[in-house]
N, C-alpha and C. Protein backbone atom coordinates (compact mmCIF):
# COMPACT_ATOMS: atom_id res chain seq x y z
N UNK A 1 0.83 -1.20 0.00
CA UNK A 1 0.00 0.00 0.00
C UNK A 1 0.86 1.26 0.00
N UNK A 2 1.93 1.27 0.83
CA UNK A 2 2.77 2.46 0.90
C UNK A 2 3.47 2.70 -0.43
N UNK A 3 3.82 1.62 -1.15
CA UNK A 3 4.49 1.79 -2.44
C UNK A 3 3.54 2.39 -3.48
N UNK A 4 2.28 2.02 -3.40
CA UNK A 4 1.29 2.63 -4.30
C UNK A 4 1.13 4.11 -3.99
N UNK A 5 1.10 4.43 -2.69
CA UNK A 5 0.98 5.83 -2.27
C UNK A 5 2.17 6.64 -2.74
N UNK A 6 3.37 6.10 -2.58
CA UNK A 6 4.58 6.80 -3.01
C UNK A 6 4.54 7.09 -4.51
N UNK A 7 4.06 6.11 -5.27
CA UNK A 7 4.01 6.28 -6.72
C UNK A 7 2.91 7.25 -7.14
N UNK A 8 1.72 7.09 -6.56
CA UNK A 8 0.57 7.91 -6.96
C UNK A 8 0.77 9.38 -6.61
N UNK A 9 1.47 9.65 -5.51
CA UNK A 9 1.67 11.04 -5.07
C UNK A 9 2.96 11.65 -5.60
N UNK A 10 3.81 10.83 -6.19
CA UNK A 10 5.09 11.34 -6.67
C UNK A 10 6.14 11.47 -5.58
N UNK A 11 5.80 11.02 -4.36
CA UNK A 11 6.75 11.13 -3.25
C UNK A 11 7.98 10.25 -3.45
N UNK A 12 7.86 9.24 -4.29
CA UNK A 12 9.00 8.37 -4.55
C UNK A 12 10.15 9.13 -5.23
N UNK A 13 9.86 10.30 -5.76
CA UNK A 13 10.87 11.11 -6.43
C UNK A 13 11.41 12.22 -5.52
N UNK A 14 10.95 12.26 -4.27
CA UNK A 14 11.31 13.34 -3.35
C UNK A 14 12.19 12.81 -2.23
N UNK A 15 12.55 13.70 -1.30
CA UNK A 15 13.20 13.28 -0.06
C UNK A 15 12.11 12.85 0.92
N UNK A 16 12.23 11.65 1.47
CA UNK A 16 11.17 11.13 2.33
C UNK A 16 11.76 10.32 3.46
N UNK A 17 11.18 10.45 4.66
CA UNK A 17 11.57 9.62 5.80
C UNK A 17 10.48 8.58 6.04
N UNK A 18 10.92 7.36 6.39
CA UNK A 18 9.99 6.24 6.53
C UNK A 18 10.15 5.58 7.89
N UNK A 19 9.05 5.00 8.38
CA UNK A 19 9.11 4.19 9.60
C UNK A 19 9.87 2.90 9.32
N UNK A 20 10.34 2.27 10.39
CA UNK A 20 11.14 1.05 10.25
C UNK A 20 10.36 -0.08 9.57
N UNK A 21 9.04 -0.16 9.79
CA UNK A 21 8.29 -1.27 9.20
C UNK A 21 8.12 -1.12 7.69
N UNK A 22 8.52 0.04 7.13
CA UNK A 22 8.53 0.21 5.68
C UNK A 22 9.90 -0.05 5.08
N UNK A 23 10.88 -0.38 5.94
CA UNK A 23 12.23 -0.62 5.45
C UNK A 23 12.32 -2.03 4.89
N UNK A 24 12.19 -2.13 3.59
CA UNK A 24 12.32 -3.42 2.90
C UNK A 24 12.82 -3.15 1.48
N UNK A 25 13.41 -4.15 0.83
CA UNK A 25 14.03 -3.92 -0.48
C UNK A 25 13.08 -3.40 -1.56
N UNK A 26 11.82 -3.81 -1.53
CA UNK A 26 10.89 -3.37 -2.56
C UNK A 26 10.64 -1.86 -2.47
N UNK A 27 10.48 -1.37 -1.24
CA UNK A 27 10.20 0.05 -1.07
C UNK A 27 11.43 0.90 -1.33
N UNK A 28 12.56 0.51 -0.77
CA UNK A 28 13.78 1.32 -0.94
C UNK A 28 14.26 1.30 -2.40
N UNK A 29 14.14 0.17 -3.07
CA UNK A 29 14.55 0.12 -4.48
C UNK A 29 13.61 0.94 -5.36
N UNK A 30 12.32 0.98 -5.00
CA UNK A 30 11.37 1.80 -5.75
C UNK A 30 11.76 3.27 -5.69
N UNK A 31 12.09 3.74 -4.49
CA UNK A 31 12.48 5.14 -4.32
C UNK A 31 13.80 5.41 -5.04
N UNK A 32 14.75 4.49 -4.93
CA UNK A 32 16.04 4.65 -5.61
C UNK A 32 15.87 4.72 -7.12
N UNK A 33 15.06 3.83 -7.68
CA UNK A 33 14.86 3.80 -9.13
C UNK A 33 14.14 5.06 -9.62
N UNK A 34 13.32 5.66 -8.75
CA UNK A 34 12.61 6.90 -9.12
C UNK A 34 13.48 8.13 -8.87
N UNK A 35 14.72 7.92 -8.42
CA UNK A 35 15.68 8.99 -8.13
C UNK A 35 15.26 9.84 -6.94
N UNK A 36 14.54 9.21 -6.02
CA UNK A 36 14.22 9.88 -4.76
C UNK A 36 15.28 9.57 -3.72
N UNK A 37 15.14 10.18 -2.55
CA UNK A 37 16.07 9.96 -1.44
C UNK A 37 15.27 9.54 -0.22
N UNK A 38 15.66 8.43 0.39
CA UNK A 38 14.95 7.94 1.56
C UNK A 38 15.84 7.96 2.79
N UNK A 39 15.20 8.12 3.94
CA UNK A 39 15.84 8.01 5.25
C UNK A 39 14.91 7.15 6.09
N UNK A 40 15.39 6.02 6.56
CA UNK A 40 14.51 5.11 7.28
C UNK A 40 15.23 4.46 8.45
N UNK A 41 14.49 4.21 9.51
CA UNK A 41 15.07 3.58 10.68
C UNK A 41 15.19 2.07 10.46
N UNK A 42 16.19 1.48 11.08
CA UNK A 42 16.42 0.04 11.01
C UNK A 42 16.11 -0.57 12.37
N UNK A 43 15.19 -1.55 12.39
CA UNK A 43 14.84 -2.22 13.64
C UNK A 43 14.87 -3.74 13.43
N UNK A 44 14.28 -4.45 14.38
CA UNK A 44 14.38 -5.91 14.40
C UNK A 44 13.65 -6.59 13.25
N UNK A 45 12.79 -5.86 12.54
CA UNK A 45 12.13 -6.50 11.39
C UNK A 45 13.13 -6.79 10.27
N UNK A 46 14.31 -6.16 10.34
CA UNK A 46 15.42 -6.50 9.45
C UNK A 46 16.61 -6.83 10.34
N UNK A 47 16.48 -7.94 11.06
CA UNK A 47 17.42 -8.28 12.14
C UNK A 47 18.86 -8.45 11.65
N UNK A 48 19.05 -9.10 10.51
CA UNK A 48 20.40 -9.32 10.00
C UNK A 48 21.07 -8.00 9.65
N UNK A 49 20.32 -7.15 8.99
CA UNK A 49 20.88 -5.85 8.61
C UNK A 49 21.15 -4.99 9.85
N UNK A 50 20.26 -5.04 10.83
CA UNK A 50 20.45 -4.30 12.07
C UNK A 50 21.74 -4.75 12.76
N UNK A 51 21.98 -6.04 12.78
CA UNK A 51 23.20 -6.57 13.39
C UNK A 51 24.43 -6.03 12.68
N UNK A 52 24.38 -5.95 11.35
CA UNK A 52 25.50 -5.40 10.59
C UNK A 52 25.73 -3.93 10.93
N UNK A 53 24.65 -3.19 11.11
CA UNK A 53 24.76 -1.77 11.48
C UNK A 53 25.42 -1.61 12.84
N UNK A 54 25.02 -2.45 13.79
CA UNK A 54 25.60 -2.39 15.13
C UNK A 54 27.09 -2.71 15.10
N UNK A 55 27.48 -3.69 14.31
CA UNK A 55 28.89 -4.05 14.20
C UNK A 55 29.70 -2.95 13.54
N UNK A 56 29.12 -2.32 12.53
CA UNK A 56 29.79 -1.20 11.87
C UNK A 56 30.02 -0.06 12.84
N UNK A 57 29.01 0.25 13.64
CA UNK A 57 29.13 1.31 14.64
C UNK A 57 30.19 0.98 15.68
N UNK A 58 30.31 -0.28 16.03
CA UNK A 58 31.25 -0.71 17.06
C UNK A 58 32.69 -0.75 16.57
N UNK A 59 32.89 -1.14 15.32
CA UNK A 59 34.24 -1.45 14.84
C UNK A 59 34.87 -0.41 13.93
N UNK A 60 34.10 0.56 13.47
CA UNK A 60 34.64 1.54 12.53
C UNK A 60 34.48 2.95 13.08
N UNK A 61 35.31 3.85 12.59
CA UNK A 61 35.25 5.25 12.98
C UNK A 61 34.26 5.99 12.08
N UNK A 62 33.55 6.93 12.67
CA UNK A 62 32.59 7.72 11.92
C UNK A 62 33.31 8.77 11.07
N UNK A 63 32.69 9.12 9.95
CA UNK A 63 33.23 10.19 9.11
C UNK A 63 32.99 11.55 9.75
N UNK A 64 31.89 11.66 10.49
CA UNK A 64 31.56 12.94 11.14
C UNK A 64 30.53 12.68 12.22
N UNK A 65 30.43 13.62 13.16
CA UNK A 65 29.41 13.52 14.20
C UNK A 65 28.96 14.90 14.62
N UNK A 66 27.78 14.97 15.19
CA UNK A 66 27.26 16.22 15.71
C UNK A 66 26.58 15.95 17.04
N UNK A 67 26.73 16.86 17.97
CA UNK A 67 26.16 16.71 19.31
C UNK A 67 25.32 17.94 19.63
N UNK A 68 24.14 17.72 20.18
CA UNK A 68 23.29 18.84 20.58
C UNK A 68 22.67 18.54 21.94
N UNK A 69 22.40 19.61 22.67
CA UNK A 69 21.82 19.50 24.00
C UNK A 69 20.49 20.26 24.02
N UNK A 70 19.55 19.74 24.79
CA UNK A 70 18.23 20.37 24.89
C UNK A 70 17.70 20.21 26.30
N UNK A 71 17.13 21.29 26.83
CA UNK A 71 16.51 21.25 28.15
C UNK A 71 15.07 21.71 28.00
N UNK A 72 14.12 20.80 28.26
CA UNK A 72 12.70 21.13 28.10
C UNK A 72 11.86 20.09 28.82
N UNK A 73 10.70 20.54 29.32
CA UNK A 73 9.71 19.64 29.94
C UNK A 73 10.32 18.81 31.07
N UNK A 74 11.23 19.41 31.84
CA UNK A 74 11.81 18.70 32.98
C UNK A 74 12.83 17.65 32.60
N UNK A 75 13.31 17.70 31.35
CA UNK A 75 14.30 16.73 30.90
C UNK A 75 15.48 17.45 30.26
N UNK A 76 16.66 16.89 30.46
CA UNK A 76 17.86 17.36 29.79
C UNK A 76 18.31 16.25 28.84
N UNK A 77 18.33 16.57 27.56
CA UNK A 77 18.61 15.55 26.55
C UNK A 77 19.87 15.90 25.77
N UNK A 78 20.72 14.92 25.61
CA UNK A 78 21.91 15.04 24.77
C UNK A 78 21.80 14.05 23.63
N UNK A 79 21.93 14.54 22.41
CA UNK A 79 21.85 13.68 21.23
C UNK A 79 23.17 13.73 20.47
N UNK A 80 23.68 12.58 20.15
CA UNK A 80 24.90 12.47 19.35
C UNK A 80 24.58 11.67 18.10
N UNK A 81 24.79 12.27 16.93
CA UNK A 81 24.56 11.59 15.66
C UNK A 81 25.90 11.38 14.96
N UNK A 82 26.15 10.14 14.54
CA UNK A 82 27.40 9.82 13.86
C UNK A 82 27.11 9.26 12.47
N UNK A 83 27.97 9.61 11.54
CA UNK A 83 27.77 9.27 10.13
C UNK A 83 28.80 8.24 9.67
N UNK A 84 28.31 7.15 9.08
CA UNK A 84 29.17 6.09 8.56
C UNK A 84 28.83 5.81 7.09
N UNK A 85 29.79 5.26 6.38
CA UNK A 85 29.53 4.75 5.04
C UNK A 85 29.20 3.27 5.13
N UNK A 86 28.25 2.82 4.31
CA UNK A 86 27.87 1.41 4.26
C UNK A 86 28.67 0.64 3.21
N UNK A 87 29.62 1.31 2.61
CA UNK A 87 30.38 0.71 1.51
C UNK A 87 31.10 -0.57 1.92
N UNK A 88 31.54 -0.64 3.16
CA UNK A 88 32.32 -1.80 3.61
C UNK A 88 31.47 -3.04 3.90
N UNK A 89 30.15 -2.87 3.97
CA UNK A 89 29.28 -4.00 4.30
C UNK A 89 29.03 -4.90 3.09
N UNK A 90 28.96 -6.19 3.35
CA UNK A 90 28.54 -7.15 2.33
C UNK A 90 27.05 -7.41 2.53
N UNK A 91 26.25 -6.81 1.68
CA UNK A 91 24.80 -6.86 1.85
C UNK A 91 24.19 -8.00 1.05
N UNK A 92 23.06 -8.48 1.54
CA UNK A 92 22.31 -9.51 0.83
C UNK A 92 21.92 -8.98 -0.55
N UNK A 93 21.85 -9.87 -1.53
CA UNK A 93 21.59 -9.47 -2.92
C UNK A 93 20.25 -8.76 -3.09
N UNK A 94 19.31 -9.00 -2.20
CA UNK A 94 17.99 -8.36 -2.35
C UNK A 94 18.05 -6.86 -2.15
N UNK A 95 19.15 -6.34 -1.60
CA UNK A 95 19.31 -4.91 -1.41
C UNK A 95 20.05 -4.23 -2.57
N UNK A 96 20.40 -4.99 -3.60
CA UNK A 96 21.33 -4.47 -4.62
C UNK A 96 20.79 -3.25 -5.37
N UNK A 97 19.47 -3.11 -5.48
CA UNK A 97 18.89 -1.98 -6.21
C UNK A 97 18.48 -0.83 -5.31
N UNK A 98 18.85 -0.91 -4.02
CA UNK A 98 18.44 0.12 -3.06
C UNK A 98 19.48 1.20 -2.86
N UNK A 99 20.72 0.94 -3.32
CA UNK A 99 21.81 1.90 -3.18
C UNK A 99 21.99 2.36 -1.73
N UNK A 100 21.98 1.42 -0.80
CA UNK A 100 22.20 1.76 0.61
C UNK A 100 23.60 2.35 0.76
N UNK A 101 23.68 3.58 1.23
CA UNK A 101 24.95 4.30 1.23
C UNK A 101 25.38 4.78 2.60
N UNK A 102 24.44 5.30 3.38
CA UNK A 102 24.77 5.94 4.65
C UNK A 102 24.15 5.21 5.84
N UNK A 103 24.89 5.19 6.93
CA UNK A 103 24.36 4.78 8.23
C UNK A 103 24.48 5.96 9.17
N UNK A 104 23.39 6.31 9.83
CA UNK A 104 23.41 7.36 10.85
C UNK A 104 23.03 6.72 12.17
N UNK A 105 23.92 6.80 13.13
CA UNK A 105 23.68 6.24 14.46
C UNK A 105 23.39 7.39 15.41
N UNK A 106 22.24 7.34 16.07
CA UNK A 106 21.84 8.40 16.99
C UNK A 106 21.80 7.84 18.41
N UNK A 107 22.60 8.40 19.28
CA UNK A 107 22.59 8.02 20.69
C UNK A 107 21.95 9.16 21.48
N UNK A 108 20.94 8.80 22.25
CA UNK A 108 20.20 9.82 23.01
C UNK A 108 20.28 9.50 24.50
N UNK A 109 20.75 10.46 25.26
CA UNK A 109 20.83 10.35 26.72
C UNK A 109 19.86 11.36 27.32
N UNK A 110 18.92 10.87 28.11
CA UNK A 110 17.88 11.73 28.69
C UNK A 110 17.92 11.65 30.20
N UNK A 111 18.00 12.82 30.83
CA UNK A 111 18.01 12.91 32.29
C UNK A 111 16.71 13.57 32.74
N UNK A 112 15.88 12.82 33.49
CA UNK A 112 14.64 13.36 34.04
C UNK A 112 14.94 13.99 35.39
N UNK A 113 14.77 15.30 35.46
CA UNK A 113 15.17 16.05 36.65
C UNK A 113 14.38 15.62 37.88
N UNK A 114 13.06 15.48 37.75
CA UNK A 114 12.23 15.16 38.91
C UNK A 114 12.53 13.78 39.48
N UNK A 115 12.83 12.83 38.62
CA UNK A 115 13.10 11.46 39.06
C UNK A 115 14.58 11.19 39.28
N UNK A 116 15.42 12.17 38.85
CA UNK A 116 16.87 11.97 38.92
C UNK A 116 17.26 10.65 38.24
N UNK A 117 16.69 10.44 37.06
CA UNK A 117 16.88 9.19 36.34
C UNK A 117 17.42 9.46 34.94
N UNK A 118 18.40 8.67 34.51
CA UNK A 118 18.99 8.81 33.19
C UNK A 118 18.69 7.57 32.35
N UNK A 119 18.24 7.80 31.12
CA UNK A 119 17.99 6.70 30.19
C UNK A 119 18.83 6.89 28.93
N UNK A 120 19.14 5.77 28.28
CA UNK A 120 19.95 5.79 27.07
C UNK A 120 19.23 5.04 25.96
N UNK A 121 19.36 5.55 24.75
CA UNK A 121 18.73 4.91 23.60
C UNK A 121 19.63 5.08 22.37
N UNK A 122 19.82 4.02 21.62
CA UNK A 122 20.59 4.08 20.38
C UNK A 122 19.70 3.66 19.23
N UNK A 123 19.66 4.49 18.19
CA UNK A 123 18.84 4.21 17.02
C UNK A 123 19.71 4.21 15.77
N UNK A 124 19.26 3.44 14.79
CA UNK A 124 20.04 3.28 13.55
C UNK A 124 19.17 3.67 12.35
N UNK A 125 19.74 4.49 11.47
CA UNK A 125 19.02 4.95 10.29
C UNK A 125 19.92 4.77 9.06
N UNK A 126 19.30 4.52 7.91
CA UNK A 126 20.06 4.38 6.68
C UNK A 126 19.44 5.25 5.59
N UNK A 127 20.26 5.57 4.59
CA UNK A 127 19.81 6.41 3.49
C UNK A 127 20.57 6.04 2.22
N UNK A 128 19.97 6.35 1.08
CA UNK A 128 20.65 6.16 -0.20
C UNK A 128 21.36 7.42 -0.66
N UNK A 129 21.38 8.44 0.19
CA UNK A 129 22.09 9.68 -0.15
C UNK A 129 23.59 9.39 -0.18
N UNK A 130 24.24 9.81 -1.25
CA UNK A 130 25.66 9.52 -1.41
C UNK A 130 26.50 10.35 -0.44
N UNK A 131 27.55 9.73 0.08
CA UNK A 131 28.44 10.39 1.02
C UNK A 131 29.60 11.05 0.29
N UNK A 132 29.70 12.36 0.44
CA UNK A 132 30.87 13.09 -0.03
C UNK A 132 31.67 13.46 1.21
N UNK A 133 32.85 12.88 1.34
CA UNK A 133 33.62 13.04 2.57
C UNK A 133 33.93 14.50 2.87
N UNK A 134 34.05 15.32 1.84
CA UNK A 134 34.36 16.74 2.05
C UNK A 134 33.18 17.48 2.68
N UNK A 135 31.97 16.91 2.55
CA UNK A 135 30.76 17.56 3.09
C UNK A 135 30.16 16.75 4.23
N UNK A 136 30.96 15.87 4.85
CA UNK A 136 30.44 14.96 5.87
C UNK A 136 29.88 15.70 7.08
N UNK A 137 30.54 16.78 7.49
CA UNK A 137 30.09 17.52 8.68
C UNK A 137 28.72 18.14 8.47
N UNK A 138 28.51 18.76 7.33
CA UNK A 138 27.20 19.35 7.06
C UNK A 138 26.15 18.27 6.82
N UNK A 139 26.57 17.15 6.25
CA UNK A 139 25.63 16.06 5.97
C UNK A 139 25.11 15.42 7.24
N UNK A 140 25.98 15.20 8.22
CA UNK A 140 25.52 14.58 9.47
C UNK A 140 24.55 15.51 10.20
N UNK A 141 24.76 16.82 10.10
CA UNK A 141 23.82 17.77 10.71
C UNK A 141 22.48 17.74 9.99
N UNK A 142 22.52 17.64 8.66
CA UNK A 142 21.28 17.55 7.88
C UNK A 142 20.50 16.29 8.24
N UNK A 143 21.20 15.17 8.36
CA UNK A 143 20.55 13.91 8.70
C UNK A 143 19.97 13.94 10.11
N UNK A 144 20.72 14.52 11.06
CA UNK A 144 20.24 14.62 12.44
C UNK A 144 18.97 15.45 12.51
N UNK A 145 18.91 16.54 11.75
CA UNK A 145 17.72 17.39 11.74
C UNK A 145 16.54 16.65 11.12
N UNK A 146 16.78 15.91 10.05
CA UNK A 146 15.70 15.15 9.41
C UNK A 146 15.14 14.09 10.35
N UNK A 147 16.02 13.46 11.13
CA UNK A 147 15.57 12.46 12.10
C UNK A 147 14.74 13.10 13.19
N UNK A 148 15.17 14.27 13.67
CA UNK A 148 14.40 14.99 14.69
C UNK A 148 13.01 15.33 14.17
N UNK A 149 12.94 15.78 12.94
CA UNK A 149 11.64 16.13 12.35
C UNK A 149 10.76 14.89 12.22
N UNK A 150 11.35 13.76 11.88
CA UNK A 150 10.58 12.52 11.78
C UNK A 150 10.06 12.11 13.14
N UNK A 151 10.89 12.26 14.18
CA UNK A 151 10.44 11.97 15.55
C UNK A 151 9.24 12.84 15.92
N UNK A 152 9.28 14.11 15.50
CA UNK A 152 8.18 15.02 15.80
C UNK A 152 6.88 14.55 15.18
N UNK A 153 6.95 14.07 13.94
CA UNK A 153 5.76 13.55 13.26
C UNK A 153 5.23 12.32 13.99
N UNK A 154 6.15 11.42 14.39
CA UNK A 154 5.74 10.21 15.10
C UNK A 154 5.10 10.55 16.45
N UNK A 155 5.66 11.56 17.12
CA UNK A 155 5.10 11.99 18.40
C UNK A 155 3.68 12.51 18.23
N UNK A 156 3.46 13.31 17.18
CA UNK A 156 2.12 13.83 16.91
C UNK A 156 1.15 12.70 16.59
N UNK A 157 1.60 11.72 15.81
CA UNK A 157 0.74 10.59 15.47
C UNK A 157 0.33 9.80 16.71
N UNK A 158 1.28 9.64 17.63
CA UNK A 158 0.98 8.90 18.86
C UNK A 158 -0.04 9.67 19.70
N UNK A 159 0.12 10.99 19.80
CA UNK A 159 -0.82 11.81 20.56
C UNK A 159 -2.20 11.77 19.92
N UNK A 160 -2.24 11.86 18.59
CA UNK A 160 -3.52 11.82 17.89
C UNK A 160 -4.29 10.54 18.21
N UNK A 161 -3.57 9.43 18.30
CA UNK A 161 -4.23 8.15 18.54
C UNK A 161 -4.53 7.94 20.01
N UNK A 162 -3.53 8.19 20.89
CA UNK A 162 -3.70 7.88 22.31
C UNK A 162 -4.58 8.89 23.03
N UNK A 163 -4.49 10.17 22.65
CA UNK A 163 -5.24 11.21 23.37
C UNK A 163 -6.53 11.62 22.66
N UNK A 164 -6.54 11.56 21.33
CA UNK A 164 -7.73 11.96 20.58
C UNK A 164 -8.45 10.77 19.94
N UNK A 165 -7.90 9.56 20.15
CA UNK A 165 -8.54 8.34 19.65
C UNK A 165 -8.84 8.43 18.15
N UNK A 166 -7.89 9.01 17.41
CA UNK A 166 -8.13 9.34 16.00
C UNK A 166 -8.47 8.12 15.14
N UNK A 167 -7.83 6.99 15.42
CA UNK A 167 -8.04 5.81 14.57
C UNK A 167 -9.46 5.27 14.64
N UNK A 168 -10.22 5.67 15.68
CA UNK A 168 -11.57 5.13 15.84
C UNK A 168 -12.67 6.16 15.56
N UNK A 169 -12.27 7.34 15.09
CA UNK A 169 -13.26 8.38 14.79
C UNK A 169 -13.76 8.18 13.36
N UNK A 170 -15.08 8.12 13.20
CA UNK A 170 -15.69 7.93 11.89
C UNK A 170 -16.30 9.25 11.41
N UNK A 171 -16.12 9.55 10.14
CA UNK A 171 -16.73 10.74 9.55
C UNK A 171 -17.57 10.32 8.35
N UNK A 172 -18.55 11.15 8.01
CA UNK A 172 -19.48 10.81 6.93
C UNK A 172 -19.12 11.52 5.63
N UNK A 173 -19.03 12.84 5.64
CA UNK A 173 -18.74 13.59 4.42
C UNK A 173 -17.28 13.42 4.01
N UNK A 174 -17.02 13.60 2.72
CA UNK A 174 -15.70 13.34 2.17
C UNK A 174 -14.58 14.16 2.78
N UNK A 175 -14.85 15.45 3.07
CA UNK A 175 -13.77 16.31 3.56
C UNK A 175 -13.76 16.46 5.07
N UNK A 176 -14.68 15.81 5.76
CA UNK A 176 -14.73 15.94 7.22
C UNK A 176 -13.47 15.39 7.88
N UNK A 177 -12.95 14.30 7.37
CA UNK A 177 -11.76 13.69 7.96
C UNK A 177 -10.58 14.65 7.89
N UNK A 178 -10.41 15.32 6.73
CA UNK A 178 -9.31 16.27 6.58
C UNK A 178 -9.46 17.46 7.51
N UNK A 179 -10.71 17.97 7.61
CA UNK A 179 -10.96 19.12 8.49
C UNK A 179 -10.69 18.75 9.94
N UNK A 180 -11.19 17.60 10.37
CA UNK A 180 -10.98 17.16 11.75
C UNK A 180 -9.50 16.92 12.04
N UNK A 181 -8.77 16.38 11.07
CA UNK A 181 -7.33 16.15 11.26
C UNK A 181 -6.59 17.47 11.44
N UNK A 182 -6.98 18.49 10.67
CA UNK A 182 -6.36 19.81 10.81
C UNK A 182 -6.66 20.41 12.17
N UNK A 183 -7.91 20.26 12.64
CA UNK A 183 -8.28 20.80 13.94
C UNK A 183 -7.54 20.08 15.07
N UNK A 184 -7.39 18.77 14.95
CA UNK A 184 -6.63 18.04 15.97
C UNK A 184 -5.17 18.47 15.96
N UNK A 185 -4.62 18.69 14.77
CA UNK A 185 -3.24 19.16 14.68
C UNK A 185 -3.07 20.52 15.33
N UNK A 186 -4.04 21.42 15.13
CA UNK A 186 -4.00 22.74 15.75
C UNK A 186 -4.09 22.61 17.27
N UNK A 187 -4.99 21.76 17.75
CA UNK A 187 -5.15 21.56 19.20
C UNK A 187 -3.86 21.03 19.82
N UNK A 188 -3.22 20.07 19.16
CA UNK A 188 -1.96 19.52 19.68
C UNK A 188 -0.90 20.60 19.79
N UNK A 189 -0.79 21.42 18.74
CA UNK A 189 0.23 22.47 18.74
C UNK A 189 -0.03 23.50 19.84
N UNK A 190 -1.28 23.90 20.03
CA UNK A 190 -1.60 24.90 21.06
C UNK A 190 -1.34 24.35 22.45
N UNK A 191 -1.77 23.12 22.70
CA UNK A 191 -1.54 22.52 24.03
C UNK A 191 -0.05 22.34 24.28
N UNK A 192 0.67 21.91 23.25
CA UNK A 192 2.12 21.71 23.40
C UNK A 192 2.82 23.02 23.77
N UNK A 193 2.36 24.13 23.21
CA UNK A 193 2.98 25.43 23.51
C UNK A 193 2.78 25.83 24.96
N UNK A 194 1.77 25.27 25.62
CA UNK A 194 1.53 25.59 27.03
C UNK A 194 2.38 24.74 27.97
N UNK A 195 3.16 23.82 27.41
CA UNK A 195 4.11 22.98 28.16
C UNK A 195 3.44 22.20 29.30
N UNK A 196 2.44 21.39 29.00
CA UNK A 196 1.79 20.61 30.07
C UNK A 196 2.70 19.48 30.55
N UNK A 197 2.57 19.13 31.82
CA UNK A 197 3.34 18.00 32.35
C UNK A 197 2.77 16.68 31.85
N UNK A 198 1.45 16.65 31.67
CA UNK A 198 0.78 15.44 31.19
C UNK A 198 -0.23 15.84 30.12
N UNK A 199 -0.01 15.40 28.89
CA UNK A 199 -0.84 15.84 27.77
C UNK A 199 -2.29 15.39 27.93
N UNK A 200 -2.48 14.13 28.30
CA UNK A 200 -3.83 13.58 28.45
C UNK A 200 -4.58 14.30 29.57
N UNK A 201 -3.90 14.56 30.68
CA UNK A 201 -4.52 15.26 31.80
C UNK A 201 -4.90 16.69 31.40
N UNK A 202 -4.07 17.32 30.58
CA UNK A 202 -4.36 18.68 30.13
C UNK A 202 -5.63 18.70 29.28
N UNK A 203 -5.79 17.73 28.40
CA UNK A 203 -7.00 17.66 27.57
C UNK A 203 -8.24 17.49 28.44
N UNK A 204 -8.16 16.61 29.43
CA UNK A 204 -9.29 16.40 30.34
C UNK A 204 -9.62 17.68 31.10
N UNK A 205 -8.58 18.39 31.52
CA UNK A 205 -8.78 19.64 32.27
C UNK A 205 -9.49 20.67 31.42
N UNK A 206 -9.05 20.83 30.16
CA UNK A 206 -9.66 21.83 29.29
C UNK A 206 -11.08 21.43 28.88
N UNK A 207 -11.34 20.13 28.80
CA UNK A 207 -12.69 19.66 28.47
C UNK A 207 -13.66 19.95 29.61
N UNK A 208 -13.16 19.93 30.85
CA UNK A 208 -14.01 20.14 32.02
C UNK A 208 -14.15 21.60 32.42
N UNK A 209 -13.19 22.43 31.98
CA UNK A 209 -13.17 23.82 32.45
C UNK A 209 -12.96 24.78 31.29
N UNK A 210 -14.01 25.52 30.95
CA UNK A 210 -13.91 26.52 29.89
C UNK A 210 -12.92 27.61 30.29
N UNK A 211 -12.90 27.96 31.58
CA UNK A 211 -12.00 29.01 32.06
C UNK A 211 -10.54 28.59 31.89
N UNK A 212 -10.24 27.32 32.20
CA UNK A 212 -8.87 26.82 32.05
C UNK A 212 -8.46 26.81 30.58
N UNK A 213 -9.39 26.42 29.70
CA UNK A 213 -9.11 26.42 28.27
C UNK A 213 -8.84 27.83 27.77
N UNK A 214 -9.68 28.78 28.19
CA UNK A 214 -9.50 30.16 27.77
C UNK A 214 -8.17 30.72 28.27
N UNK A 215 -7.81 30.39 29.51
CA UNK A 215 -6.54 30.86 30.07
C UNK A 215 -5.36 30.31 29.28
N UNK A 216 -5.44 29.05 28.88
CA UNK A 216 -4.36 28.44 28.10
C UNK A 216 -4.24 29.11 26.74
N UNK A 217 -5.38 29.36 26.08
CA UNK A 217 -5.37 29.99 24.77
C UNK A 217 -4.81 31.41 24.83
N UNK A 218 -5.07 32.10 25.94
CA UNK A 218 -4.49 33.43 26.13
C UNK A 218 -2.99 33.33 26.41
N UNK A 219 -2.60 32.30 27.16
CA UNK A 219 -1.19 32.09 27.48
C UNK A 219 -0.35 31.90 26.22
N UNK A 220 -0.88 31.15 25.26
CA UNK A 220 -0.13 30.88 24.03
C UNK A 220 -0.43 31.91 22.95
N UNK A 221 -1.16 32.97 23.36
CA UNK A 221 -1.46 34.10 22.47
C UNK A 221 -2.31 33.70 21.26
N UNK A 222 -3.19 32.72 21.47
CA UNK A 222 -4.16 32.37 20.43
C UNK A 222 -5.38 33.28 20.52
N UNK A 223 -5.66 33.78 21.73
CA UNK A 223 -6.75 34.74 21.94
C UNK A 223 -6.17 36.10 22.31
């Protein structure tokens, strides 16, 4: 289904980020053949390839890396993105038309101030974008930003489903779904700007109290 969507919309010819469950030879080769550029996460659904990525990260030096720090919502986060070439890997023949070129390893360390707790997460991403060693520093920054933007989309999708129950909402008219999706997106952005400690609790609070909702809208300068 996703391959049909990519073809019908022309997205296969653009720069696109994909979830890990879309990382398969048919999809990546389709984008490559259409001269598009893909960035996709690697997880256990491609276990052999994931193992190769982990070994590459462990045994080889990165061409470039970028580190950024962020303090928000009671958390201090440090992200380190490292850029590797996949040229040294011996890949299964089914990947031959995908032009797998780059590996981006993202290590995220998060410190929750209230709990005094630190968590670590390592993620692996690949792309068919060609590596020019002279531009490696700018490329790793570009990839890190694209990954952050993809995380933002995933976060919004999770909120839409868990807090607004979007997957179970039925609409009748043809454009109602699009209108409701836009309104939910606006609501998420406005609530996020108010920096709630608990998103679901904030929605319940605003549903129960018109005064609280109005105060929040004034706080974020919507009113």
